[in-house]
Amino acid sequence: MTTSAQPGPEQVVYCARHPDVETALTCGRCGTPICPRCMVHTPGGIRCPDCAQLRRPPMYELSASDYLKAGGAALVVGMLLGLVGAVILPAGARFGFFGLLIAFFVGTGAGAVVAEAMQRVTRAKRGMGMQALATAGLGLAYVERLVLSGGLDLALQDLVGILMVAVAVGAAWSRLR
């Protein structure tokens, strides 16, 4: 008489981070049970969050000295841009459609110059803090341009300047993303 081995009940495994979730997945490195919510796809396979070693890329890790350097660069470049803007495109002057085209191109260049200066002094750092500092530097350039052109009361009449600073902020923002 032959007896066949009966399979025993399968062992139920639960996720190490979510004890109420049943799973059949394990980390490819340490073997910890993981569920689809906490698994991380890596080039080496599926890993638990601990083994995946998720961290921000170095370009987004800024120290206090990086913020100071970037702020200084934004301040200096913003002051220079404000001075040049007041001489070349004074607030309150009527430029018409041609002025709007100039504002678009000058704004793109101004945003690129501020972002590039900030990246050079911080060794290509990026992120929200850098974007905020670039926006502040460009805002300073706009205010300085208005003051040197005749006063802050020209702000509402300065469509060219408003477009220029909006395009500059957009250009710097996208380069520092």
N, C-alpha and C. Protein backbone atom coordinates (compact mmCIF):
# COMPACT_ATOMS: atom_id res chain seq x y z
N MET A 1 0.84 -1.15 0.00
CA MET A 1 0.00 0.00 0.00
C MET A 1 0.90 1.24 0.00
N THR A 2 0.63 2.16 -0.89
CA THR A 2 1.43 3.39 -0.98
C THR A 2 0.66 4.52 -0.35
N THR A 3 1.40 5.32 0.34
CA THR A 3 0.77 6.50 0.94
C THR A 3 1.34 7.73 0.24
N SER A 4 0.52 8.63 -0.07
CA SER A 4 0.99 9.86 -0.70
C SER A 4 1.13 10.93 0.37
N ALA A 5 2.16 11.71 0.21
CA ALA A 5 2.39 12.78 1.19
C ALA A 5 1.41 13.90 0.92
N GLN A 6 0.73 14.27 1.90
CA GLN A 6 -0.22 15.36 1.80
C GLN A 6 0.50 16.67 2.09
N PRO A 7 0.34 17.66 1.22
CA PRO A 7 0.98 18.94 1.51
C PRO A 7 0.35 19.58 2.74
N GLY A 8 1.19 20.19 3.56
CA GLY A 8 0.70 20.86 4.77
C GLY A 8 0.12 22.22 4.42
N PRO A 9 -0.53 22.82 5.35
CA PRO A 9 -1.08 24.16 5.09
C PRO A 9 0.06 25.15 4.82
N GLU A 10 -0.19 26.00 3.81
CA GLU A 10 0.84 26.98 3.46
C GLU A 10 0.94 28.02 4.56
N GLN A 11 2.16 28.44 4.78
CA GLN A 11 2.39 29.44 5.81
C GLN A 11 2.05 30.83 5.25
N VAL A 12 1.29 31.58 5.99
CA VAL A 12 0.90 32.94 5.57
C VAL A 12 1.99 33.90 6.03
N VAL A 13 2.44 34.75 5.11
CA VAL A 13 3.49 35.71 5.41
C VAL A 13 2.91 37.12 5.30
N TYR A 14 3.29 37.97 6.23
CA TYR A 14 2.81 39.35 6.25
C TYR A 14 3.97 40.31 6.04
N CYS A 15 3.66 41.46 5.46
CA CYS A 15 4.65 42.51 5.19
C CYS A 15 5.27 42.97 6.51
N ALA A 16 6.59 43.19 6.50
CA ALA A 16 7.29 43.64 7.70
C ALA A 16 6.88 45.06 8.11
N ARG A 17 6.52 45.90 7.17
CA ARG A 17 6.13 47.29 7.48
C ARG A 17 4.62 47.46 7.63
N HIS A 18 3.86 46.58 7.02
CA HIS A 18 2.40 46.63 7.09
C HIS A 18 1.90 45.27 7.57
N PRO A 19 1.85 45.05 8.88
CA PRO A 19 1.56 43.72 9.43
C PRO A 19 0.17 43.17 9.08
N ASP A 20 -0.71 43.98 8.57
CA ASP A 20 -2.05 43.50 8.22
C ASP A 20 -2.16 43.11 6.74
N VAL A 21 -1.05 43.24 5.96
CA VAL A 21 -1.08 42.94 4.53
C VAL A 21 -0.36 41.61 4.28
N GLU A 22 -1.10 40.67 3.72
CA GLU A 22 -0.54 39.38 3.35
C GLU A 22 0.25 39.53 2.05
N THR A 23 1.43 38.87 1.97
CA THR A 23 2.27 39.03 0.80
C THR A 23 3.04 37.76 0.47
N ALA A 24 3.46 37.68 -0.77
CA ALA A 24 4.34 36.59 -1.20
C ALA A 24 5.65 37.17 -1.72
N LEU A 25 5.83 38.48 -1.61
CA LEU A 25 7.03 39.16 -2.10
C LEU A 25 8.07 39.27 -1.00
N THR A 26 9.33 39.17 -1.38
CA THR A 26 10.41 39.39 -0.43
C THR A 26 11.47 40.26 -1.08
N CYS A 27 12.24 40.94 -0.26
CA CYS A 27 13.34 41.77 -0.73
C CYS A 27 14.38 40.87 -1.38
N GLY A 28 14.89 41.26 -2.52
CA GLY A 28 15.89 40.47 -3.22
C GLY A 28 17.24 40.47 -2.54
N ARG A 29 17.47 41.36 -1.59
CA ARG A 29 18.77 41.42 -0.91
C ARG A 29 18.72 40.77 0.47
N CYS A 30 17.76 41.17 1.31
CA CYS A 30 17.74 40.67 2.69
C CYS A 30 16.67 39.62 2.96
N GLY A 31 15.72 39.46 2.04
CA GLY A 31 14.67 38.46 2.21
C GLY A 31 13.51 38.88 3.08
N THR A 32 13.45 40.14 3.48
CA THR A 32 12.35 40.65 4.30
C THR A 32 11.06 40.63 3.50
N PRO A 33 9.96 40.14 4.09
CA PRO A 33 8.68 40.17 3.38
C PRO A 33 8.23 41.62 3.15
N ILE A 34 7.83 41.93 1.93
CA ILE A 34 7.38 43.27 1.59
C ILE A 34 6.09 43.18 0.78
N CYS A 35 5.30 44.23 0.85
CA CYS A 35 4.06 44.28 0.08
C CYS A 35 4.26 45.22 -1.12
N PRO A 36 3.32 45.25 -2.05
CA PRO A 36 3.48 46.15 -3.21
C PRO A 36 3.58 47.63 -2.84
N ARG A 37 3.03 48.03 -1.69
CA ARG A 37 3.10 49.44 -1.30
C ARG A 37 4.51 49.86 -0.91
N CYS A 38 5.29 48.94 -0.33
CA CYS A 38 6.61 49.35 0.15
C CYS A 38 7.75 48.79 -0.69
N MET A 39 7.47 48.05 -1.75
CA MET A 39 8.56 47.55 -2.58
C MET A 39 9.11 48.67 -3.45
N VAL A 40 10.41 48.60 -3.69
CA VAL A 40 11.10 49.60 -4.49
C VAL A 40 11.77 48.88 -5.65
N HIS A 41 11.48 49.34 -6.87
CA HIS A 41 12.13 48.76 -8.05
C HIS A 41 13.50 49.41 -8.22
N THR A 42 14.53 48.58 -8.24
CA THR A 42 15.88 49.06 -8.46
C THR A 42 16.47 48.30 -9.64
N PRO A 43 17.60 48.73 -10.17
CA PRO A 43 18.22 47.98 -11.27
C PRO A 43 18.58 46.55 -10.86
N GLY A 44 18.77 46.32 -9.56
CA GLY A 44 19.12 44.99 -9.07
C GLY A 44 17.93 44.15 -8.67
N GLY A 45 16.73 44.61 -8.91
CA GLY A 45 15.53 43.87 -8.56
C GLY A 45 14.70 44.58 -7.52
N ILE A 46 13.73 43.86 -6.96
CA ILE A 46 12.83 44.45 -5.97
C ILE A 46 13.53 44.46 -4.61
N ARG A 47 13.47 45.60 -3.94
CA ARG A 47 14.12 45.77 -2.64
C ARG A 47 13.14 46.36 -1.64
N CYS A 48 13.44 46.14 -0.37
CA CYS A 48 12.70 46.82 0.69
C CYS A 48 13.25 48.24 0.77
N PRO A 49 12.53 49.19 1.38
CA PRO A 49 13.04 50.56 1.44
C PRO A 49 14.40 50.69 2.12
N ASP A 50 14.68 49.84 3.11
CA ASP A 50 15.98 49.91 3.78
C ASP A 50 17.12 49.52 2.85
N CYS A 51 16.94 48.45 2.08
CA CYS A 51 18.00 47.99 1.17
C CYS A 51 18.09 48.84 -0.10
N ALA A 52 17.03 49.53 -0.46
CA ALA A 52 17.06 50.35 -1.67
C ALA A 52 17.92 51.58 -1.48
N GLN A 53 18.15 51.97 -0.23
CA GLN A 53 18.97 53.13 0.11
C GLN A 53 18.55 54.36 -0.68
N LEU A 54 17.28 54.67 -0.60
CA LEU A 54 16.77 55.84 -1.32
C LEU A 54 17.29 57.10 -0.66
N ARG A 55 17.91 57.95 -1.43
CA ARG A 55 18.32 59.26 -0.95
C ARG A 55 18.26 60.23 -2.11
N ARG A 56 18.21 61.47 -1.77
CA ARG A 56 18.13 62.50 -2.79
C ARG A 56 19.44 62.56 -3.56
N PRO A 57 19.36 62.88 -4.84
CA PRO A 57 20.60 63.06 -5.61
C PRO A 57 21.42 64.21 -5.00
N PRO A 58 22.74 64.14 -5.08
CA PRO A 58 23.59 65.16 -4.45
C PRO A 58 23.32 66.58 -4.93
N MET A 59 22.82 66.74 -6.16
CA MET A 59 22.58 68.10 -6.66
C MET A 59 21.45 68.80 -5.91
N TYR A 60 20.62 68.03 -5.18
CA TYR A 60 19.51 68.63 -4.43
C TYR A 60 19.82 68.75 -2.94
N GLU A 61 21.00 68.36 -2.51
CA GLU A 61 21.38 68.46 -1.10
C GLU A 61 22.21 69.73 -0.92
N LEU A 62 21.60 70.75 -0.33
CA LEU A 62 22.26 72.04 -0.17
C LEU A 62 22.57 72.29 1.30
N SER A 63 23.76 72.80 1.55
CA SER A 63 24.15 73.19 2.90
C SER A 63 23.86 74.68 3.09
N ALA A 64 24.07 75.16 4.31
CA ALA A 64 23.86 76.58 4.58
C ALA A 64 24.82 77.43 3.75
N SER A 65 26.04 76.96 3.58
CA SER A 65 27.00 77.73 2.77
C SER A 65 26.58 77.78 1.30
N ASP A 66 25.95 76.70 0.82
CA ASP A 66 25.44 76.72 -0.56
C ASP A 66 24.36 77.78 -0.72
N TYR A 67 23.46 77.87 0.27
CA TYR A 67 22.41 78.89 0.22
C TYR A 67 23.00 80.30 0.28
N LEU A 68 24.02 80.48 1.10
CA LEU A 68 24.65 81.80 1.19
C LEU A 68 25.33 82.18 -0.12
N LYS A 69 26.05 81.23 -0.71
CA LYS A 69 26.71 81.51 -1.99
C LYS A 69 25.69 81.81 -3.09
N ALA A 70 24.64 81.00 -3.15
CA ALA A 70 23.61 81.20 -4.17
C ALA A 70 22.89 82.53 -3.96
N GLY A 71 22.58 82.85 -2.71
CA GLY A 71 21.93 84.13 -2.42
C GLY A 71 22.81 85.30 -2.79
N GLY A 72 24.10 85.20 -2.51
CA GLY A 72 25.04 86.26 -2.90
C GLY A 72 25.12 86.42 -4.40
N ALA A 73 25.17 85.30 -5.11
CA ALA A 73 25.21 85.37 -6.58
C ALA A 73 23.93 85.98 -7.12
N ALA A 74 22.79 85.58 -6.59
CA ALA A 74 21.51 86.14 -7.05
C ALA A 74 21.44 87.63 -6.76
N LEU A 75 21.95 88.05 -5.62
CA LEU A 75 21.96 89.46 -5.24
C LEU A 75 22.84 90.28 -6.19
N VAL A 76 24.05 89.83 -6.40
CA VAL A 76 24.99 90.58 -7.26
C VAL A 76 24.49 90.64 -8.70
N VAL A 77 24.10 89.49 -9.24
CA VAL A 77 23.63 89.46 -10.63
C VAL A 77 22.32 90.25 -10.76
N GLY A 78 21.44 90.14 -9.76
CA GLY A 78 20.19 90.91 -9.78
C GLY A 78 20.44 92.41 -9.79
N MET A 79 21.40 92.85 -8.98
CA MET A 79 21.73 94.29 -8.95
C MET A 79 22.28 94.75 -10.30
N LEU A 80 23.15 93.94 -10.89
CA LEU A 80 23.70 94.30 -12.21
C LEU A 80 22.62 94.32 -13.28
N LEU A 81 21.73 93.34 -13.25
CA LEU A 81 20.65 93.30 -14.24
C LEU A 81 19.69 94.48 -14.07
N GLY A 82 19.43 94.87 -12.83
CA GLY A 82 18.57 96.02 -12.60
C GLY A 82 19.17 97.31 -13.14
N LEU A 83 20.46 97.47 -12.95
CA LEU A 83 21.16 98.65 -13.47
C LEU A 83 21.15 98.67 -15.00
N VAL A 84 21.49 97.54 -15.60
CA VAL A 84 21.49 97.46 -17.07
C VAL A 84 20.08 97.65 -17.62
N GLY A 85 19.10 97.07 -16.95
CA GLY A 85 17.71 97.21 -17.39
C GLY A 85 17.22 98.64 -17.34
N ALA A 86 17.64 99.38 -16.32
CA ALA A 86 17.23 100.78 -16.21
C ALA A 86 17.83 101.63 -17.31
N VAL A 87 19.03 101.29 -17.76
CA VAL A 87 19.69 102.05 -18.81
C VAL A 87 19.14 101.69 -20.19
N ILE A 88 18.99 100.37 -20.44
CA ILE A 88 18.59 99.93 -21.78
C ILE A 88 17.09 99.98 -22.00
N LEU A 89 16.32 99.50 -21.03
CA LEU A 89 14.85 99.47 -21.14
C LEU A 89 14.23 100.17 -19.93
N PRO A 90 14.28 101.48 -19.86
CA PRO A 90 13.75 102.18 -18.68
C PRO A 90 12.24 101.97 -18.54
N ALA A 91 11.83 101.90 -17.28
CA ALA A 91 10.40 101.73 -17.00
C ALA A 91 9.65 102.99 -17.43
N GLY A 92 8.46 102.82 -17.92
CA GLY A 92 7.64 103.94 -18.34
C GLY A 92 7.81 104.33 -19.80
N ALA A 93 8.88 103.88 -20.43
CA ALA A 93 9.08 104.19 -21.85
C ALA A 93 8.12 103.35 -22.68
N ARG A 94 7.66 103.87 -23.77
CA ARG A 94 6.71 103.17 -24.65
C ARG A 94 7.48 102.46 -25.75
N PHE A 95 7.34 101.14 -25.78
CA PHE A 95 8.06 100.35 -26.78
C PHE A 95 7.12 99.66 -27.75
N GLY A 96 5.85 99.54 -27.41
CA GLY A 96 4.89 98.88 -28.29
C GLY A 96 5.13 97.38 -28.37
N PHE A 97 4.69 96.80 -29.47
CA PHE A 97 4.82 95.35 -29.66
C PHE A 97 6.28 94.93 -29.69
N PHE A 98 7.12 95.74 -30.29
CA PHE A 98 8.54 95.44 -30.35
C PHE A 98 9.14 95.33 -28.94
N GLY A 99 8.66 96.15 -28.04
CA GLY A 99 9.12 96.10 -26.65
C GLY A 99 8.74 94.81 -25.97
N LEU A 100 7.57 94.27 -26.30
CA LEU A 100 7.17 93.00 -25.72
C LEU A 100 8.06 91.86 -26.21
N LEU A 101 8.43 91.91 -27.50
CA LEU A 101 9.37 90.90 -28.02
C LEU A 101 10.73 91.02 -27.34
N ILE A 102 11.19 92.23 -27.18
CA ILE A 102 12.46 92.45 -26.49
C ILE A 102 12.37 91.92 -25.06
N ALA A 103 11.25 92.20 -24.39
CA ALA A 103 11.08 91.75 -23.01
C ALA A 103 11.14 90.23 -22.91
N PHE A 104 10.56 89.56 -23.88
CA PHE A 104 10.58 88.10 -23.87
C PHE A 104 12.01 87.58 -23.97
N PHE A 105 12.77 88.09 -24.92
CA PHE A 105 14.13 87.61 -25.12
C PHE A 105 15.07 88.04 -24.00
N VAL A 106 14.94 89.29 -23.55
CA VAL A 106 15.78 89.77 -22.45
C VAL A 106 15.44 89.02 -21.16
N GLY A 107 14.17 88.77 -20.93
CA GLY A 107 13.77 88.02 -19.74
C GLY A 107 14.32 86.61 -19.74
N THR A 108 14.28 85.95 -20.88
CA THR A 108 14.84 84.60 -20.98
C THR A 108 16.33 84.62 -20.66
N GLY A 109 17.03 85.58 -21.22
CA GLY A 109 18.47 85.70 -20.96
C GLY A 109 18.77 86.04 -19.51
N ALA A 110 18.00 86.95 -18.94
CA ALA A 110 18.23 87.34 -17.55
C ALA A 110 18.02 86.16 -16.59
N GLY A 111 16.98 85.40 -16.82
CA GLY A 111 16.74 84.23 -15.98
C GLY A 111 17.84 83.21 -16.11
N ALA A 112 18.32 83.00 -17.33
CA ALA A 112 19.41 82.05 -17.57
C ALA A 112 20.71 82.52 -16.90
N VAL A 113 20.97 83.81 -16.94
CA VAL A 113 22.19 84.36 -16.34
C VAL A 113 22.16 84.18 -14.82
N VAL A 114 21.04 84.49 -14.20
CA VAL A 114 20.93 84.34 -12.74
C VAL A 114 21.09 82.87 -12.35
N ALA A 115 20.39 81.99 -13.05
CA ALA A 115 20.47 80.56 -12.73
C ALA A 115 21.89 80.03 -12.93
N GLU A 116 22.54 80.44 -14.00
CA GLU A 116 23.89 79.97 -14.28
C GLU A 116 24.87 80.46 -13.23
N ALA A 117 24.76 81.71 -12.83
CA ALA A 117 25.65 82.25 -11.79
C ALA A 117 25.47 81.48 -10.48
N MET A 118 24.23 81.19 -10.14
CA MET A 118 23.96 80.45 -8.90
C MET A 118 24.49 79.03 -8.98
N GLN A 119 24.35 78.39 -10.12
CA GLN A 119 24.84 77.03 -10.27
C GLN A 119 26.37 76.98 -10.26
N ARG A 120 27.00 77.98 -10.80
CA ARG A 120 28.47 77.98 -10.81
C ARG A 120 29.05 78.11 -9.41
N VAL A 121 28.45 78.95 -8.57
CA VAL A 121 29.01 79.13 -7.22
C VAL A 121 28.65 77.97 -6.29
N THR A 122 27.64 77.18 -6.63
CA THR A 122 27.25 76.05 -5.77
C THR A 122 27.59 74.70 -6.38
N ARG A 123 28.33 74.67 -7.46
CA ARG A 123 28.68 73.43 -8.16
C ARG A 123 27.44 72.67 -8.61
N ALA A 124 26.58 73.37 -9.35
CA ALA A 124 25.39 72.81 -10.03
C ALA A 124 24.30 72.32 -9.09
N LYS A 125 24.11 72.98 -7.96
CA LYS A 125 23.02 72.60 -7.06
C LYS A 125 21.71 73.12 -7.62
N ARG A 126 20.63 72.45 -7.26
CA ARG A 126 19.29 72.79 -7.75
C ARG A 126 18.27 72.61 -6.63
N GLY A 127 17.02 72.92 -6.93
CA GLY A 127 15.95 72.66 -5.98
C GLY A 127 15.12 73.90 -5.69
N MET A 128 14.12 73.69 -4.83
CA MET A 128 13.17 74.76 -4.52
C MET A 128 13.84 75.97 -3.86
N GLY A 129 14.79 75.74 -2.99
CA GLY A 129 15.49 76.85 -2.35
C GLY A 129 16.24 77.70 -3.36
N MET A 130 16.88 77.04 -4.30
CA MET A 130 17.60 77.77 -5.35
C MET A 130 16.62 78.54 -6.23
N GLN A 131 15.49 77.94 -6.53
CA GLN A 131 14.47 78.62 -7.34
C GLN A 131 13.95 79.86 -6.62
N ALA A 132 13.74 79.74 -5.32
CA ALA A 132 13.25 80.88 -4.54
C ALA A 132 14.28 82.01 -4.51
N LEU A 133 15.55 81.66 -4.34
CA LEU A 133 16.60 82.68 -4.34
C LEU A 133 16.72 83.36 -5.70
N ALA A 134 16.59 82.60 -6.77
CA ALA A 134 16.63 83.19 -8.11
C ALA A 134 15.46 84.15 -8.31
N THR A 135 14.28 83.76 -7.84
CA THR A 135 13.11 84.63 -7.94
C THR A 135 13.32 85.92 -7.16
N ALA A 136 13.91 85.80 -5.98
CA ALA A 136 14.18 87.00 -5.17
C ALA A 136 15.19 87.91 -5.88
N GLY A 137 16.23 87.32 -6.45
CA GLY A 137 17.23 88.12 -7.18
C GLY A 137 16.64 88.84 -8.37
N LEU A 138 15.76 88.16 -9.09
CA LEU A 138 15.11 88.79 -10.26
C LEU A 138 14.09 89.84 -9.82
N GLY A 139 13.42 89.60 -8.70
CA GLY A 139 12.51 90.61 -8.16
C GLY A 139 13.27 91.86 -7.74
N LEU A 140 14.44 91.66 -7.14
CA LEU A 140 15.30 92.79 -6.77
C LEU A 140 15.73 93.58 -8.01
N ALA A 141 16.06 92.87 -9.08
CA ALA A 141 16.45 93.54 -10.33
C ALA A 141 15.30 94.40 -10.85
N TYR A 142 14.08 93.87 -10.77
CA TYR A 142 12.92 94.62 -11.25
C TYR A 142 12.68 95.88 -10.42
N VAL A 143 12.76 95.74 -9.10
CA VAL A 143 12.54 96.89 -8.22
C VAL A 143 13.63 97.94 -8.44
N GLU A 144 14.87 97.49 -8.56
CA GLU A 144 15.97 98.44 -8.81
C GLU A 144 15.77 99.17 -10.14
N ARG A 145 15.35 98.45 -11.17
CA ARG A 145 15.08 99.05 -12.47
C ARG A 145 14.01 100.12 -12.36
N LEU A 146 12.95 99.83 -11.60
CA LEU A 146 11.88 100.82 -11.41
C LEU A 146 12.39 102.05 -10.67
N VAL A 147 13.14 101.85 -9.60
CA VAL A 147 13.65 102.97 -8.80
C VAL A 147 14.58 103.85 -9.64
N LEU A 148 15.48 103.23 -10.39
CA LEU A 148 16.41 104.01 -11.20
C LEU A 148 15.74 104.68 -12.40
N SER A 149 14.58 104.17 -12.81
CA SER A 149 13.87 104.74 -13.95
C SER A 149 12.92 105.85 -13.55
N GLY A 150 12.69 106.04 -12.28
CA GLY A 150 11.81 107.14 -11.90
C GLY A 150 10.91 106.86 -10.71
N GLY A 151 10.87 105.69 -10.20
CA GLY A 151 10.07 105.42 -9.02
C GLY A 151 9.21 104.18 -9.12
N LEU A 152 8.80 103.69 -7.97
CA LEU A 152 7.99 102.47 -7.91
C LEU A 152 6.58 102.67 -8.46
N ASP A 153 6.13 103.94 -8.56
CA ASP A 153 4.79 104.19 -9.07
C ASP A 153 4.67 103.85 -10.56
N LEU A 154 5.78 103.60 -11.24
CA LEU A 154 5.76 103.20 -12.65
C LEU A 154 5.42 101.73 -12.85
N ALA A 155 5.32 100.97 -11.75
CA ALA A 155 5.11 99.52 -11.86
C ALA A 155 3.85 99.16 -12.62
N LEU A 156 2.77 99.91 -12.42
CA LEU A 156 1.51 99.58 -13.09
C LEU A 156 1.50 99.95 -14.57
N GLN A 157 2.41 100.82 -14.99
CA GLN A 157 2.49 101.22 -16.39
C GLN A 157 3.57 100.44 -17.14
N ASP A 158 4.25 99.55 -16.46
CA ASP A 158 5.44 98.89 -17.01
C ASP A 158 5.13 97.46 -17.47
N LEU A 159 4.35 97.34 -18.54
CA LEU A 159 4.01 96.02 -19.07
C LEU A 159 5.24 95.28 -19.57
N VAL A 160 6.18 96.00 -20.17
CA VAL A 160 7.42 95.39 -20.66
C VAL A 160 8.20 94.80 -19.49
N GLY A 161 8.32 95.54 -18.41
CA GLY A 161 9.06 95.06 -17.24
C GLY A 161 8.38 93.88 -16.56
N ILE A 162 7.07 93.92 -16.47
CA ILE A 162 6.33 92.81 -15.85
C ILE A 162 6.51 91.54 -16.68
N LEU A 163 6.39 91.66 -17.99
CA LEU A 163 6.59 90.50 -18.85
C LEU A 163 8.04 90.02 -18.76
N MET A 164 8.97 90.94 -18.72
CA MET A 164 10.38 90.58 -18.65
C MET A 164 10.69 89.80 -17.38
N VAL A 165 10.20 90.26 -16.24
CA VAL A 165 10.50 89.57 -14.98
C VAL A 165 9.75 88.24 -14.91
N ALA A 166 8.55 88.16 -15.46
CA ALA A 166 7.81 86.89 -15.45
C ALA A 166 8.53 85.84 -16.29
N VAL A 167 9.00 86.24 -17.46
CA VAL A 167 9.74 85.30 -18.32
C VAL A 167 11.07 84.93 -17.67
N ALA A 168 11.73 85.90 -17.03
CA ALA A 168 13.01 85.62 -16.37
C ALA A 168 12.84 84.63 -15.23
N VAL A 169 11.80 84.81 -14.43
CA VAL A 169 11.54 83.88 -13.33
C VAL A 169 11.24 82.49 -13.88
N GLY A 170 10.45 82.42 -14.94
CA GLY A 170 10.16 81.12 -15.55
C GLY A 170 11.41 80.43 -16.08
N ALA A 171 12.29 81.19 -16.71
CA ALA A 171 13.52 80.62 -17.25
C ALA A 171 14.44 80.12 -16.14
N ALA A 172 14.60 80.94 -15.10
CA ALA A 172 15.45 80.53 -13.97
C ALA A 172 14.85 79.34 -13.25
N TRP A 173 13.54 79.37 -13.07
CA TRP A 173 12.83 78.29 -12.36
C TRP A 173 13.05 76.96 -13.06
N SER A 174 12.92 76.96 -14.39
CA SER A 174 13.06 75.71 -15.13
C SER A 174 14.52 75.23 -15.14
N ARG A 175 15.47 76.12 -15.15
CA ARG A 175 16.88 75.71 -15.14
C ARG A 175 17.32 75.18 -13.78
N LEU A 176 16.67 75.61 -12.72
CA LEU A 176 17.04 75.18 -11.38
C LEU A 176 16.14 74.08 -10.84
N ARG A 177 15.31 73.52 -11.69
CA ARG A 177 14.38 72.47 -11.27
C ARG A 177 15.11 71.21 -10.91
